[in-house]
Amino acid sequence: MKTGMATAVFAAVLATTSAAADLPRYRLEPGMVLTYKGLSRSNYGAMIMTSETQTTVWVVGRNPDGSARVVVRQGRRNASAKEGVELKGMDKQPMEFSLARLDLFPDGRIAPDSEVGSGISPQTIFPQLPADEAEAKAGWTVREPNDPDERRCDQFQTEPGGWSFRTQSAGPENAIYESLSSSTVHFDAARGIVKRTETDHSQNYGFQTKGTATRELVSLETLEPEKLAAFANAADAYFAGEKAYVEARRGRERDPAKLESVLAEAKSALEKVRDATTEPTFRERLDARLKAHDSLVKYSVDGAKRLAEVIGKPAPDWKAVGLDGKEHALADYRGKVVVLDFWYRGCGWCIKAMPQMNAVAEHFAGQPVALLGMNTDPVEADAKLVADVMSLKYGTIRIDKDLPGKYGVHGFPTLIVIGPDGQVRDVHVGYSKNLQQTLTKSIEALLPH
């Protein structure tokens, strides 16, 4: 679009807002309840996968900084069938829901301390809007801290009742997974909310798929003040209990027996929250959490037992060739703090952790610290692609499939921290937004002071 036309489009957009000097913004008022339903269809070779989604948003308050306190519940159910075969019984499957609470600014920014766990993607309902008039005219890019993903948004286009804009994934994961996702977002100018989103997506690495999805606003209601207050109070109790439970489950307790006791106490505390909760939205989620508790305990305790066999013991020795073509051995790094980062190309959480790993490598540059990526991909080209796309600032070692098991690794990413004496001193399992900080502390505790 030419510059003159872009200026005209933006002027028309401003004319549709309630205040001509304002940029398009979300206008969320306490008591609003928005419900969206979505449907996606994807081809996986000869199979068709269909997914139904449902998202409900409760606006429970407003903060002094102008952000809205929002509770989001997102659910999904899937069904598949061979191409050409009628899909049946999807409506009989239960919808699996997750809950989040976040503080959302009018431009779609989410406060960093928001409680957004796995299974929740608030950006599907509240994509980030331009920061200023220049971005609205030229387009803008959305990036999350410590996340390699980004989305590029085109300038606004006017349409009946509001405007639309296109967004497209543009992060390094697109190259790594040979994937693409683009959406058209339709914005209701009068109400200040997204009314419909249409998405095209594809991936050629791993699960080869191509498909489309739609998500549409189906209802907008308002809670009476008394019901809103009751819902907000129930939300406070739920998220306090959920946070304590998750912290207990993901805590740093390494002793299997003590961990089992900690988790039993966490379950008891969560049961008290459940028994005091009458709001169905939170009661149902608490029931689901408690139902899954025993299997989570077994998984956590088994993991602690595996780590107990490694921590405080000499690190298993190894020799392997790096992407630099040289042979490396653990013995070469004796006297340094060594961090082994076990990863492979198909591990999305491994990729998401790499910007933080790069930051750790830069922080300890010139110090007796060696950060090594331990890649398990059978094809070297896969490892090289990731290392190049992510601009890894630490070496990548090509290892055999048996080495992770010798270190008790059963999930990726896993970071093994080895002291200068050659003994395993700490282990970090999985992705965390605070991985850089926690790993830095582990390393600093082992350096001479």
Protein backbone atom coordinates (compact mmCIF):
# COMPACT_ATOMS: atom_id res chain seq x y z
CA MET A 1 0.00 0.00 0.00
CA LYS A 2 1.31 3.43 -0.92
CA THR A 3 2.12 5.96 1.81
CA GLY A 4 -0.75 8.31 0.92
CA MET A 5 -3.27 5.47 0.94
CA ALA A 6 -1.90 4.16 4.28
CA THR A 7 -2.40 7.59 5.82
CA ALA A 8 -5.98 7.67 4.54
CA VAL A 9 -6.67 4.22 5.97
CA PHE A 10 -5.35 5.20 9.38
CA ALA A 11 -7.41 8.38 9.38
CA ALA A 12 -10.51 6.34 8.58
CA VAL A 13 -9.69 3.96 11.43
CA LEU A 14 -9.41 6.82 13.86
CA ALA A 15 -12.75 8.13 12.70
CA THR A 16 -14.43 4.92 13.82
CA THR A 17 -13.19 5.20 17.41
CA SER A 18 -15.02 7.02 20.16
CA ALA A 19 -12.26 9.61 20.47
CA ALA A 20 -10.58 10.76 17.28
CA ALA A 21 -7.20 11.23 18.97
CA ASP A 22 -7.10 7.67 20.38
CA LEU A 23 -5.49 4.61 18.86
CA PRO A 24 -7.56 1.43 18.60
CA ARG A 25 -7.58 -0.17 22.05
CA TYR A 26 -9.29 -2.92 24.02
CA ARG A 27 -12.10 -1.49 26.10
CA LEU A 28 -12.69 -4.01 28.87
CA GLU A 29 -14.95 -3.07 31.75
CA PRO A 30 -15.36 -5.02 35.01
CA GLY A 31 -18.27 -7.44 34.76
CA MET A 32 -17.87 -8.19 31.05
CA VAL A 33 -17.99 -11.90 30.11
CA LEU A 34 -16.86 -12.76 26.57
CA THR A 35 -17.22 -16.21 25.04
CA TYR A 36 -15.45 -17.33 21.88
CA LYS A 37 -15.80 -20.62 20.01
CA GLY A 38 -13.37 -21.96 17.48
CA LEU A 39 -13.01 -24.77 14.98
CA SER A 40 -9.86 -25.99 13.25
CA ARG A 41 -9.26 -28.66 10.63
CA SER A 42 -5.83 -30.03 9.75
CA ASN A 43 -4.54 -32.65 7.33
CA TYR A 44 -1.94 -35.09 8.68
CA GLY A 45 -1.15 -37.24 5.68
CA ALA A 46 -4.20 -39.45 5.19
CA MET A 47 -5.73 -38.32 8.49
CA ILE A 48 -7.96 -35.34 9.27
CA MET A 49 -7.72 -33.76 12.73
CA THR A 50 -10.57 -31.55 13.89
CA SER A 51 -10.46 -29.46 17.06
CA GLU A 52 -13.15 -27.48 18.82
CA THR A 53 -12.11 -24.71 21.21
CA GLN A 54 -13.99 -22.60 23.70
CA THR A 55 -12.63 -19.54 25.48
CA THR A 56 -14.40 -17.55 28.16
CA VAL A 57 -13.02 -14.25 29.46
CA TRP A 58 -14.19 -12.64 32.70
CA VAL A 59 -13.13 -9.04 33.36
CA VAL A 60 -13.00 -9.01 37.16
CA GLY A 61 -11.43 -5.63 37.90
CA ARG A 62 -9.28 -2.69 36.90
CA ASN A 63 -5.80 -1.92 38.22
CA PRO A 64 -4.36 1.52 39.07
CA ASP A 65 -2.00 1.30 36.07
CA GLY A 66 -4.96 1.11 33.68
CA SER A 67 -4.75 -2.61 32.98
CA ALA A 68 -7.76 -4.89 33.34
CA ARG A 69 -7.67 -7.92 35.65
CA VAL A 70 -8.88 -10.79 33.49
CA VAL A 71 -9.60 -14.48 34.10
CA VAL A 72 -9.35 -16.68 31.01
CA ARG A 73 -10.59 -20.24 30.60
CA GLN A 74 -9.60 -22.09 27.42
CA GLY A 75 -10.67 -25.58 26.47
CA ARG A 76 -10.16 -27.94 23.57
CA ARG A 77 -11.34 -31.30 22.32
CA ASN A 78 -9.99 -33.20 19.35
CA ALA A 79 -11.16 -35.92 17.02
CA SER A 80 -9.57 -37.55 14.00
CA ALA A 81 -10.60 -39.78 11.11
CA LYS A 82 -9.19 -40.99 7.84
CA GLU A 83 -9.72 -38.63 4.95
CA GLY A 84 -13.08 -39.31 3.33
CA VAL A 85 -14.51 -40.94 6.48
CA GLU A 86 -17.26 -39.14 8.40
CA LEU A 87 -16.14 -37.78 11.77
CA LYS A 88 -18.47 -38.92 14.56
CA GLY A 89 -18.82 -38.55 18.32
CA MET A 90 -16.76 -35.42 18.81
CA ASP A 91 -19.56 -33.67 20.69
CA LYS A 92 -19.57 -36.49 23.26
CA GLN A 93 -15.95 -35.94 24.24
CA PRO A 94 -15.31 -33.77 27.31
CA MET A 95 -13.68 -30.39 26.81
CA GLU A 96 -10.37 -30.13 28.68
CA PHE A 97 -10.03 -26.67 30.25
CA SER A 98 -7.14 -24.61 31.62
CA LEU A 99 -7.34 -21.38 33.61
CA ALA A 100 -5.20 -18.26 33.74
CA ARG A 101 -5.35 -14.83 35.33
CA LEU A 102 -3.65 -11.89 33.72
CA ASP A 103 -3.43 -8.14 33.74
CA LEU A 104 -4.13 -6.86 30.23
CA PHE A 105 -3.31 -3.35 29.07
CA PRO A 106 -5.54 -1.61 26.49
CA ASP A 107 -2.92 -2.21 23.76
CA GLY A 108 -2.88 -5.95 24.47
CA ARG A 109 0.36 -6.07 26.47
CA ILE A 110 0.25 -8.63 29.26
CA ALA A 111 1.86 -7.77 32.60
CA PRO A 112 4.93 -9.99 33.20
CA ASP A 113 3.71 -11.28 36.56
CA SER A 114 0.44 -12.60 35.11
CA GLU A 115 -0.46 -16.19 35.97
CA VAL A 116 -0.50 -17.76 32.52
CA GLY A 117 0.33 -21.47 32.50
CA SER A 118 0.44 -24.10 29.81
CA GLY A 119 -2.73 -24.63 27.81
CA ILE A 120 -3.55 -20.93 27.71
CA SER A 121 -2.86 -18.57 24.79
CA PRO A 122 -4.45 -15.22 25.65
CA GLN A 123 -2.95 -13.66 22.51
CA THR A 124 -5.46 -15.62 20.42
CA ILE A 125 -8.19 -13.45 21.93
CA PHE A 126 -6.18 -10.30 22.63
CA PRO A 127 -3.47 -9.92 19.97
CA GLN A 128 -1.17 -7.02 20.78
CA LEU A 129 -2.10 -3.73 19.12
CA PRO A 130 0.27 -1.02 17.82
CA ALA A 131 2.03 1.14 20.39
CA ASP A 132 1.62 4.38 18.47
CA GLU A 133 0.41 5.98 15.26
CA ALA A 134 3.63 5.16 13.40
CA GLU A 135 3.21 1.43 14.08
CA ALA A 136 -0.46 1.58 13.14
CA LYS A 137 0.51 3.00 9.75
CA ALA A 138 3.55 0.83 9.01
CA GLY A 139 2.84 -2.40 10.92
CA TRP A 140 4.39 -3.69 14.12
CA THR A 141 6.19 -6.71 15.60
CA VAL A 142 5.18 -8.53 18.79
CA ARG A 143 7.88 -10.19 20.89
CA GLU A 144 7.71 -11.79 24.32
CA PRO A 145 10.70 -11.53 26.71
CA ASN A 146 12.98 -14.61 26.62
CA ASP A 147 10.92 -16.15 23.82
CA PRO A 148 12.33 -16.61 20.30
CA ASP A 149 8.88 -16.42 18.73
CA GLU A 150 7.56 -13.20 17.24
CA ARG A 151 4.62 -12.12 15.12
CA ARG A 152 4.55 -9.40 12.49
CA CYS A 153 1.38 -7.39 12.09
CA ASP A 154 0.35 -5.45 9.00
CA GLN A 155 -1.24 -2.02 8.99
CA PHE A 156 -4.99 -1.71 9.58
CA GLN A 157 -7.59 -2.10 6.88
CA THR A 158 -11.06 -0.61 7.32
CA GLU A 159 -14.11 -2.85 7.02
CA PRO A 160 -17.78 -2.58 8.03
CA GLY A 161 -18.05 -2.09 11.79
CA GLY A 162 -14.34 -1.68 12.39
CA TRP A 163 -11.09 -2.81 10.85
CA SER A 164 -8.85 -5.83 10.31
CA PHE A 165 -5.16 -6.60 10.26
CA ARG A 166 -2.98 -9.55 9.32
CA THR A 167 -0.50 -11.23 11.64
CA GLN A 168 2.15 -13.76 10.68
CA SER A 169 4.60 -15.85 12.71
CA ALA A 170 8.13 -14.71 11.99
CA GLY A 171 10.40 -16.22 14.66
CA PRO A 172 13.25 -18.70 14.29
CA GLU A 173 10.91 -21.61 15.00
CA ASN A 174 9.41 -21.06 11.55
CA ALA A 175 12.74 -22.03 10.00
CA ILE A 176 13.41 -24.84 12.48
CA TYR A 177 10.02 -26.52 12.00
CA GLU A 178 9.42 -25.31 8.45
CA SER A 179 6.17 -23.87 9.73
CA LEU A 180 3.97 -20.89 9.01
CA SER A 181 0.95 -19.41 10.74
CA SER A 182 -0.93 -16.36 9.50
CA SER A 183 -4.16 -14.87 10.80
CA THR A 184 -6.63 -12.17 9.87
CA VAL A 185 -7.99 -10.42 12.95
CA HIS A 186 -11.34 -8.61 12.70
CA PHE A 187 -11.78 -5.92 15.35
CA ASP A 188 -15.10 -4.48 16.50
CA ALA A 189 -14.49 -0.74 16.69
CA ALA A 190 -17.62 0.07 18.69
CA ARG A 191 -16.99 -2.49 21.45
CA GLY A 192 -13.19 -2.52 21.41
CA ILE A 193 -12.80 -6.31 21.15
CA VAL A 194 -11.85 -8.93 18.57
CA LYS A 195 -14.95 -10.41 16.96
CA ARG A 196 -13.41 -13.02 14.63
CA THR A 197 -10.05 -14.51 13.67
CA GLU A 198 -9.24 -16.69 10.67
CA THR A 199 -5.97 -18.65 10.57
CA ASP A 200 -3.99 -20.67 8.04
CA HIS A 201 -1.18 -22.90 9.31
CA SER A 202 1.29 -25.44 7.98
CA GLN A 203 4.33 -27.42 9.09
CA ASN A 204 6.69 -29.62 7.10
CA TYR A 205 9.08 -30.89 9.80
CA GLY A 206 8.00 -33.71 12.12
CA PHE A 207 4.22 -33.71 12.01
CA GLN A 208 3.57 -32.59 8.45
CA THR A 209 0.31 -30.73 8.49
CA LYS A 210 -1.71 -28.04 6.77
CA GLY A 211 -4.98 -26.57 7.92
CA THR A 212 -7.30 -23.70 8.75
CA ALA A 213 -9.00 -22.41 11.89
CA THR A 214 -11.61 -19.86 12.86
CA ARG A 215 -12.46 -18.31 16.23
CA GLU A 216 -15.54 -16.12 16.73
CA LEU A 217 -17.17 -14.14 19.50
CA VAL A 218 -20.50 -15.82 20.27
CA SER A 219 -21.66 -13.91 23.34
CA LEU A 220 -20.95 -10.79 25.39
CA GLU A 221 -22.68 -10.57 28.77
CA THR A 222 -22.37 -8.51 31.94
CA LEU A 223 -22.32 -9.85 35.50
CA GLU A 224 -24.27 -8.09 38.21
CA PRO A 225 -22.03 -6.45 40.85
CA GLU A 226 -22.76 -9.08 43.52
CA LYS A 227 -22.02 -11.98 41.17
CA LEU A 228 -18.89 -10.25 39.93
CA ALA A 229 -17.62 -9.77 43.50
CA ALA A 230 -18.29 -13.44 44.32
CA PHE A 231 -16.54 -14.58 41.15
CA ALA A 232 -13.51 -12.33 41.82
CA ASN A 233 -13.20 -13.65 45.39
CA ALA A 234 -13.40 -17.24 44.15
CA ALA A 235 -10.72 -16.44 41.58
CA ASP A 236 -8.41 -15.06 44.29
CA ALA A 237 -8.80 -18.25 46.35
CA TYR A 238 -8.34 -20.51 43.34
CA PHE A 239 -5.19 -18.88 41.97
CA ALA A 240 -3.59 -18.63 45.43
CA GLY A 241 -4.20 -22.35 45.98
CA GLU A 242 -3.11 -23.28 42.46
CA LYS A 243 0.12 -21.27 42.75
CA ALA A 244 1.05 -22.91 46.06
CA TYR A 245 0.28 -26.35 44.65
CA VAL A 246 2.37 -25.84 41.49
CA GLU A 247 5.29 -24.40 43.47
CA ALA A 248 5.26 -27.45 45.75
CA ARG A 249 5.21 -29.79 42.77
CA ARG A 250 7.99 -27.95 40.94
CA GLY A 251 10.01 -27.09 44.01
CA ARG A 252 13.67 -27.89 44.62
CA GLU A 253 13.04 -30.73 47.06
CA ARG A 254 15.27 -33.59 45.88
CA ASP A 255 14.70 -36.22 48.58
CA PRO A 256 11.98 -38.60 47.28
CA ALA A 257 10.48 -39.28 50.73
CA LYS A 258 10.39 -35.60 51.68
CA LEU A 259 8.97 -34.72 48.26
CA GLU A 260 6.12 -37.20 48.74
CA SER A 261 5.33 -35.56 52.10
CA VAL A 262 5.45 -32.06 50.56
CA LEU A 263 3.06 -33.12 47.80
CA ALA A 264 0.67 -34.72 50.31
CA GLU A 265 0.51 -31.42 52.19
CA ALA A 266 -0.03 -29.55 48.93
CA LYS A 267 -2.92 -31.87 48.07
CA SER A 268 -4.51 -31.31 51.47
CA ALA A 269 -4.26 -27.54 51.07
CA LEU A 270 -5.80 -27.73 47.60
CA GLU A 271 -8.66 -29.86 48.92
CA LYS A 272 -9.46 -27.12 51.45
CA VAL A 273 -9.62 -24.57 48.64
CA ARG A 274 -11.87 -26.91 46.64
CA ASP A 275 -14.21 -27.50 49.59
CA ALA A 276 -14.56 -23.75 50.18
CA THR A 277 -15.25 -23.01 46.49
CA THR A 278 -18.78 -23.01 45.10
CA GLU A 279 -18.09 -21.24 41.80
CA PRO A 280 -18.37 -24.04 39.15
CA THR A 281 -15.61 -22.63 36.92
CA PHE A 282 -13.00 -23.09 39.65
CA ARG A 283 -14.55 -26.09 41.38
CA GLU A 284 -14.40 -28.16 38.19
CA ARG A 285 -10.75 -27.28 37.60
CA LEU A 286 -9.82 -28.11 41.19
CA ASP A 287 -11.60 -31.48 40.92
CA ALA A 288 -9.63 -32.24 37.75
CA ARG A 289 -6.36 -31.24 39.41
CA LEU A 290 -7.01 -33.44 42.43
CA LYS A 291 -8.06 -36.36 40.26
CA ALA A 292 -4.69 -36.23 38.49
CA HIS A 293 -2.74 -35.80 41.74
CA ASP A 294 -1.71 -39.41 42.34
CA SER A 295 -0.25 -39.86 38.87
CA LEU A 296 1.60 -36.53 39.23
CA VAL A 297 3.02 -37.65 42.55
CA LYS A 298 4.31 -40.87 41.02
CA TYR A 299 5.88 -38.97 38.13
CA SER A 300 7.53 -36.41 40.45
CA VAL A 301 8.77 -38.96 42.99
CA ASP A 302 10.12 -41.26 40.28
CA GLY A 303 11.97 -38.27 38.83
CA ALA A 304 13.40 -37.41 42.25
CA LYS A 305 14.61 -40.98 42.65
CA ARG A 306 16.41 -40.81 39.30
CA LEU A 307 18.02 -37.50 40.24
CA ALA A 308 19.09 -38.88 43.62
CA GLU A 309 21.14 -41.48 41.76
CA VAL A 310 22.99 -38.68 39.92
CA ILE A 311 23.29 -35.62 42.20
CA GLY A 312 26.34 -35.73 44.43
CA LYS A 313 27.87 -38.50 42.32
CA PRO A 314 30.71 -38.32 39.78
CA ALA A 315 29.39 -37.23 36.38
CA PRO A 316 29.41 -40.12 33.86
CA ASP A 317 32.34 -39.68 31.49
CA TRP A 318 31.89 -39.25 27.75
CA LYS A 319 33.69 -38.45 24.52
CA ALA A 320 31.92 -37.12 21.44
CA VAL A 321 32.44 -34.94 18.37
CA GLY A 322 31.07 -31.41 18.24
CA LEU A 323 29.64 -29.47 15.34
CA ASP A 324 33.08 -27.86 15.16
CA GLY A 325 34.44 -31.22 13.99
CA LYS A 326 36.62 -31.65 17.09
CA GLU A 327 36.46 -34.40 19.69
CA HIS A 328 35.33 -33.26 23.13
CA ALA A 329 35.49 -35.13 26.42
CA LEU A 330 34.09 -34.29 29.84
CA ALA A 331 37.60 -34.67 31.24
CA ASP A 332 38.71 -31.72 29.09
CA TYR A 333 36.62 -29.39 31.30
CA ARG A 334 37.76 -30.58 34.72
CA GLY A 335 38.22 -27.62 37.06
CA LYS A 336 35.36 -25.68 35.46
CA VAL A 337 31.65 -25.53 36.18
CA VAL A 338 30.10 -27.49 33.32
CA VAL A 339 26.47 -27.20 32.20
CA LEU A 340 25.18 -29.90 29.86
CA ASP A 341 22.03 -28.85 27.98
CA PHE A 342 20.29 -31.94 26.56
CA TRP A 343 18.12 -31.07 23.55
CA TYR A 344 16.94 -32.11 20.08
CA ARG A 345 15.38 -30.31 17.12
CA GLY A 346 11.82 -31.55 17.68
CA CYS A 347 11.74 -30.27 21.29
CA GLY A 348 9.89 -26.95 21.15
CA TRP A 349 10.59 -26.14 24.81
CA CYS A 350 14.30 -26.72 24.18
CA ILE A 351 14.21 -24.10 21.43
CA LYS A 352 12.30 -21.65 23.63
CA ALA A 353 14.95 -22.01 26.35
CA MET A 354 17.88 -21.22 24.05
CA PRO A 355 17.71 -17.39 24.27
CA GLN A 356 18.09 -17.73 28.03
CA MET A 357 20.94 -20.21 27.59
CA ASN A 358 22.67 -17.74 25.28
CA ALA A 359 22.30 -15.06 27.96
CA VAL A 360 23.87 -17.38 30.55
CA ALA A 361 26.78 -18.13 28.19
CA GLU A 362 27.38 -14.40 27.68
CA HIS A 363 27.11 -13.67 31.40
CA PHE A 364 29.89 -16.16 32.28
CA ALA A 365 32.15 -15.45 29.29
CA GLY A 366 35.79 -15.41 30.39
CA GLN A 367 35.03 -17.30 33.62
CA PRO A 368 35.75 -20.98 34.38
CA VAL A 369 32.36 -22.06 33.08
CA ALA A 370 31.62 -24.33 30.10
CA LEU A 371 28.11 -24.48 28.65
CA LEU A 372 27.64 -27.36 26.20
CA GLY A 373 24.60 -28.26 24.12
CA MET A 374 24.18 -32.05 24.12
CA ASN A 375 22.28 -32.83 20.95
CA THR A 376 20.59 -36.21 20.44
CA ASP A 377 19.34 -35.79 16.85
CA PRO A 378 20.43 -38.74 14.68
CA VAL A 379 20.97 -36.39 11.70
CA GLU A 380 23.73 -33.81 12.11
CA ALA A 381 22.00 -31.38 9.74
CA ASP A 382 19.16 -31.03 12.25
CA ALA A 383 21.55 -30.01 15.01
CA LYS A 384 23.42 -27.60 12.74
CA LEU A 385 20.21 -25.95 11.55
CA VAL A 386 19.10 -25.18 15.10
CA ALA A 387 22.54 -23.97 16.17
CA ASP A 388 22.70 -21.63 13.18
CA VAL A 389 19.11 -20.32 13.38
CA MET A 390 19.32 -19.72 17.13
CA SER A 391 22.86 -18.26 16.88
CA LEU A 392 24.00 -20.42 19.78
CA LYS A 393 26.84 -18.85 21.72
CA TYR A 394 27.99 -22.17 23.18
CA GLY A 395 29.28 -25.38 21.63
CA THR A 396 27.05 -28.19 20.42
CA ILE A 397 28.16 -31.80 21.01
CA ARG A 398 26.69 -34.71 19.04
CA ILE A 399 26.00 -37.52 21.50
CA ASP A 400 24.60 -41.05 21.26
CA LYS A 401 21.11 -41.96 22.44
CA ASP A 402 22.36 -43.73 25.59
CA LEU A 403 24.15 -40.83 27.28
CA PRO A 404 21.03 -38.96 28.53
CA GLY A 405 19.93 -42.05 30.47
CA LYS A 406 23.28 -42.21 32.27
CA TYR A 407 22.53 -38.75 33.63
CA GLY A 408 18.95 -39.65 34.61
CA VAL A 409 17.52 -37.55 31.77
CA HIS A 410 13.95 -38.58 30.90
CA GLY A 411 12.59 -35.29 29.58
CA PHE A 412 13.85 -32.41 27.49
CA PRO A 413 15.24 -29.90 28.02
CA THR A 414 17.28 -31.07 31.02
CA LEU A 415 20.32 -29.17 32.30
CA ILE A 416 22.99 -31.00 34.28
CA VAL A 417 25.28 -28.77 36.36
CA ILE A 418 28.67 -30.32 37.16
CA GLY A 419 31.04 -28.80 39.71
CA PRO A 420 34.77 -28.19 39.20
CA ASP A 421 35.37 -31.46 41.11
CA GLY A 422 33.56 -33.44 38.41
CA GLN A 423 30.47 -34.24 40.49
CA VAL A 424 26.88 -33.49 39.48
CA ARG A 425 25.70 -30.67 41.73
CA ASP A 426 22.35 -29.60 40.31
CA VAL A 427 19.72 -30.49 37.70
CA HIS A 428 17.13 -28.27 36.01
CA VAL A 429 14.29 -30.08 34.24
CA GLY A 430 11.99 -28.43 31.71
CA TYR A 431 11.42 -24.90 30.51
CA SER A 432 10.91 -21.95 32.83
CA LYS A 433 10.53 -18.22 32.26
CA ASN A 434 13.08 -17.81 35.07
CA LEU A 435 15.55 -20.40 33.80
CA GLN A 436 18.30 -17.83 33.26
CA GLN A 437 18.10 -16.59 36.84
CA THR A 438 17.91 -20.03 38.50
CA LEU A 439 20.71 -21.49 36.39
CA THR A 440 22.91 -18.46 37.04
CA LYS A 441 22.49 -18.97 40.79
CA SER A 442 23.39 -22.65 40.48
CA ILE A 443 26.58 -21.81 38.60
CA GLU A 444 27.63 -18.91 40.85
CA ALA A 445 27.29 -21.14 43.94
CA LEU A 446 29.99 -23.42 42.49
CA LEU A 447 32.49 -20.75 41.46
CA PRO A 448 35.34 -19.79 43.82
CA HIS A 449 34.62 -16.68 45.88
